[in-house]
Amino acid sequence: MFKATAVVKNEAGIHCRPSAILVREGCAYEGEILITAKSGTCTLTSALGLIMLGLEQGAQVSIQVTGSGEDEFGPKLVELFETHFDFPPQ
């Protein structure tokens, strides 16, 4: 089991576009992914579930990944949560 903490760095937090990117990555993974914040826990299969956590800039999230390749996939999720998303990319 991979466990790590990430800090949301995106200025606007995890809103629709970043959550869509995170969920797309999460759905591609065949194991289980749990995201936990002060406001609750969700799996990384629903953008709405992730948005409902209300993750603003500076929020800490716990990421738990279980399954084949968890030690390679987990750090990718940490990196995504800590990305400064810019739409459109420049």
C-alpha atoms as a PDB file:
ATOM      1  CA  MET A   1       0.000   0.000   0.000  1.00  0.00           C
ATOM      2  CA  PHE A   2       1.290   3.446  -0.985  1.00  0.00           C
ATOM      3  CA  LYS A   3       0.440   6.331   1.350  1.00  0.00           C
ATOM      4  CA  ALA A   4       1.463   9.960   0.982  1.00  0.00           C
ATOM      5  CA  THR A   5       0.323  13.480   1.754  1.00  0.00           C
ATOM      6  CA  ALA A   6       0.051  16.185  -0.885  1.00  0.00           C
ATOM      7  CA  VAL A   7      -0.651  19.899  -0.615  1.00  0.00           C
ATOM      8  CA  VAL A   8      -2.932  21.460  -3.234  1.00  0.00           C
ATOM      9  CA  LYS A   9      -0.915  24.195  -4.917  1.00  0.00           C
ATOM     10  CA  ASN A  10      -3.270  25.278  -7.685  1.00  0.00           C
ATOM     11  CA  GLU A  11      -4.386  28.862  -7.031  1.00  0.00           C
ATOM     12  CA  ALA A  12      -8.052  27.996  -7.696  1.00  0.00           C
ATOM     13  CA  GLY A  13      -7.911  24.680  -5.835  1.00  0.00           C
ATOM     14  CA  ILE A  14      -9.201  21.432  -7.282  1.00  0.00           C
ATOM     15  CA  HIS A  15     -12.134  22.556  -9.414  1.00  0.00           C
ATOM     16  CA  CYS A  16     -13.707  20.979 -12.517  1.00  0.00           C
ATOM     17  CA  ARG A  17     -10.727  20.853 -14.854  1.00  0.00           C
ATOM     18  CA  PRO A  18      -8.089  19.602 -12.390  1.00  0.00           C
ATOM     19  CA  SER A  19     -10.567  17.083 -10.969  1.00  0.00           C
ATOM     20  CA  ALA A  20     -11.267  15.770 -14.486  1.00  0.00           C
ATOM     21  CA  ILE A  21      -7.528  15.237 -15.036  1.00  0.00           C
ATOM     22  CA  LEU A  22      -7.133  13.492 -11.665  1.00  0.00           C
ATOM     23  CA  VAL A  23     -10.162  11.249 -12.228  1.00  0.00           C
ATOM     24  CA  ARG A  24      -8.993  10.336 -15.741  1.00  0.00           C
ATOM     25  CA  GLU A  25      -5.687   9.176 -14.261  1.00  0.00           C
ATOM     26  CA  GLY A  26      -7.467   7.416 -11.401  1.00  0.00           C
ATOM     27  CA  CYS A  27      -9.806   5.520 -13.710  1.00  0.00           C
ATOM     28  CA  ALA A  28      -6.837   4.264 -15.726  1.00  0.00           C
ATOM     29  CA  TYR A  29      -5.438   2.570 -12.615  1.00  0.00           C
ATOM     30  CA  GLU A  30      -6.839  -0.880 -11.849  1.00  0.00           C
ATOM     31  CA  GLY A  31      -6.338  -0.763  -8.086  1.00  0.00           C
ATOM     32  CA  GLU A  32      -8.072   1.255  -5.384  1.00  0.00           C
ATOM     33  CA  ILE A  33      -7.383   4.934  -4.720  1.00  0.00           C
ATOM     34  CA  LEU A  34      -8.687   6.819  -1.694  1.00  0.00           C
ATOM     35  CA  ILE A  35      -8.354  10.568  -1.252  1.00  0.00           C
ATOM     36  CA  THR A  36      -8.893  11.888   2.274  1.00  0.00           C
ATOM     37  CA  ALA A  37      -9.136  15.513   3.383  1.00  0.00           C
ATOM     38  CA  LYS A  38     -10.564  17.282   6.437  1.00  0.00           C
ATOM     39  CA  SER A  39     -13.935  17.370   4.669  1.00  0.00           C
ATOM     40  CA  GLY A  40     -14.141  13.639   3.927  1.00  0.00           C
ATOM     41  CA  THR A  41     -12.973  10.760   1.780  1.00  0.00           C
ATOM     42  CA  CYS A  42     -13.651   9.788  -1.813  1.00  0.00           C
ATOM     43  CA  THR A  43     -12.391   7.368  -4.412  1.00  0.00           C
ATOM     44  CA  LEU A  44     -10.748   8.794  -7.479  1.00  0.00           C
ATOM     45  CA  THR A  45     -13.519   7.648  -9.821  1.00  0.00           C
ATOM     46  CA  SER A  46     -15.839  10.657  -9.606  1.00  0.00           C
ATOM     47  CA  ALA A  47     -14.999  14.269 -10.414  1.00  0.00           C
ATOM     48  CA  LEU A  48     -18.036  15.368  -8.433  1.00  0.00           C
ATOM     49  CA  GLY A  49     -16.876  13.413  -5.378  1.00  0.00           C
ATOM     50  CA  LEU A  50     -13.477  15.086  -5.603  1.00  0.00           C
ATOM     51  CA  ILE A  51     -14.979  18.552  -6.092  1.00  0.00           C
ATOM     52  CA  MET A  52     -17.246  18.012  -3.085  1.00  0.00           C
ATOM     53  CA  LEU A  53     -14.161  17.731  -0.878  1.00  0.00           C
ATOM     54  CA  GLY A  54     -13.742  21.494  -1.437  1.00  0.00           C
ATOM     55  CA  LEU A  55      -9.977  21.334  -1.886  1.00  0.00           C
ATOM     56  CA  GLU A  56      -8.666  24.877  -1.929  1.00  0.00           C
ATOM     57  CA  GLN A  57      -5.084  26.019  -2.353  1.00  0.00           C
ATOM     58  CA  GLY A  58      -3.076  24.864   0.669  1.00  0.00           C
ATOM     59  CA  ALA A  59      -5.392  21.968   1.548  1.00  0.00           C
ATOM     60  CA  GLN A  60      -3.663  18.765   2.594  1.00  0.00           C
ATOM     61  CA  VAL A  61      -4.854  15.485   1.155  1.00  0.00           C
ATOM     62  CA  SER A  62      -3.908  11.967   2.083  1.00  0.00           C
ATOM     63  CA  ILE A  63      -3.492   9.671  -0.904  1.00  0.00           C
ATOM     64  CA  GLN A  64      -3.763   5.924  -0.482  1.00  0.00           C
ATOM     65  CA  VAL A  65      -3.136   3.612  -3.441  1.00  0.00           C
ATOM     66  CA  THR A  66      -3.541  -0.160  -3.294  1.00  0.00           C
ATOM     67  CA  GLY A  67      -2.850  -2.533  -6.159  1.00  0.00           C
ATOM     68  CA  SER A  68      -0.328  -3.563  -8.746  1.00  0.00           C
ATOM     69  CA  GLY A  69       2.196  -0.812  -9.463  1.00  0.00           C
ATOM     70  CA  GLU A  70       1.112   1.292  -6.478  1.00  0.00           C
ATOM     71  CA  ASP A  71       4.652   2.496  -5.745  1.00  0.00           C
ATOM     72  CA  GLU A  72       4.983   3.888  -9.274  1.00  0.00           C
ATOM     73  CA  PHE A  73       1.449   5.261  -9.602  1.00  0.00           C
ATOM     74  CA  GLY A  74       1.168   6.897  -6.160  1.00  0.00           C
ATOM     75  CA  PRO A  75       3.894   9.510  -6.704  1.00  0.00           C
ATOM     76  CA  LYS A  76       2.243  10.497 -10.008  1.00  0.00           C
ATOM     77  CA  LEU A  77      -0.927  11.343  -8.096  1.00  0.00           C
ATOM     78  CA  VAL A  78       0.998  13.364  -5.523  1.00  0.00           C
ATOM     79  CA  GLU A  79       2.583  15.320  -8.366  1.00  0.00           C
ATOM     80  CA  LEU A  80      -0.820  15.972  -9.969  1.00  0.00           C
ATOM     81  CA  PHE A  81      -2.346  17.239  -6.719  1.00  0.00           C
ATOM     82  CA  GLU A  82       0.640  19.578  -6.338  1.00  0.00           C
ATOM     83  CA  THR A  83       0.463  20.901  -9.923  1.00  0.00           C
ATOM     84  CA  HIS A  84      -0.139  24.580 -10.619  1.00  0.00           C
ATOM     85  CA  PHE A  85      -2.740  24.056 -13.356  1.00  0.00           C
ATOM     86  CA  ASP A  86      -2.956  26.826 -15.933  1.00  0.00           C
ATOM     87  CA  PHE A  87      -5.825  26.783 -18.410  1.00  0.00           C
ATOM     88  CA  PRO A  88      -5.156  27.083 -21.208  1.00  0.00           C
ATOM     89  CA  PRO A  89      -1.532  25.905 -20.827  1.00  0.00           C
ATOM     90  CA  GLN A  90       1.025  28.538 -21.763  1.00  0.00           C
END
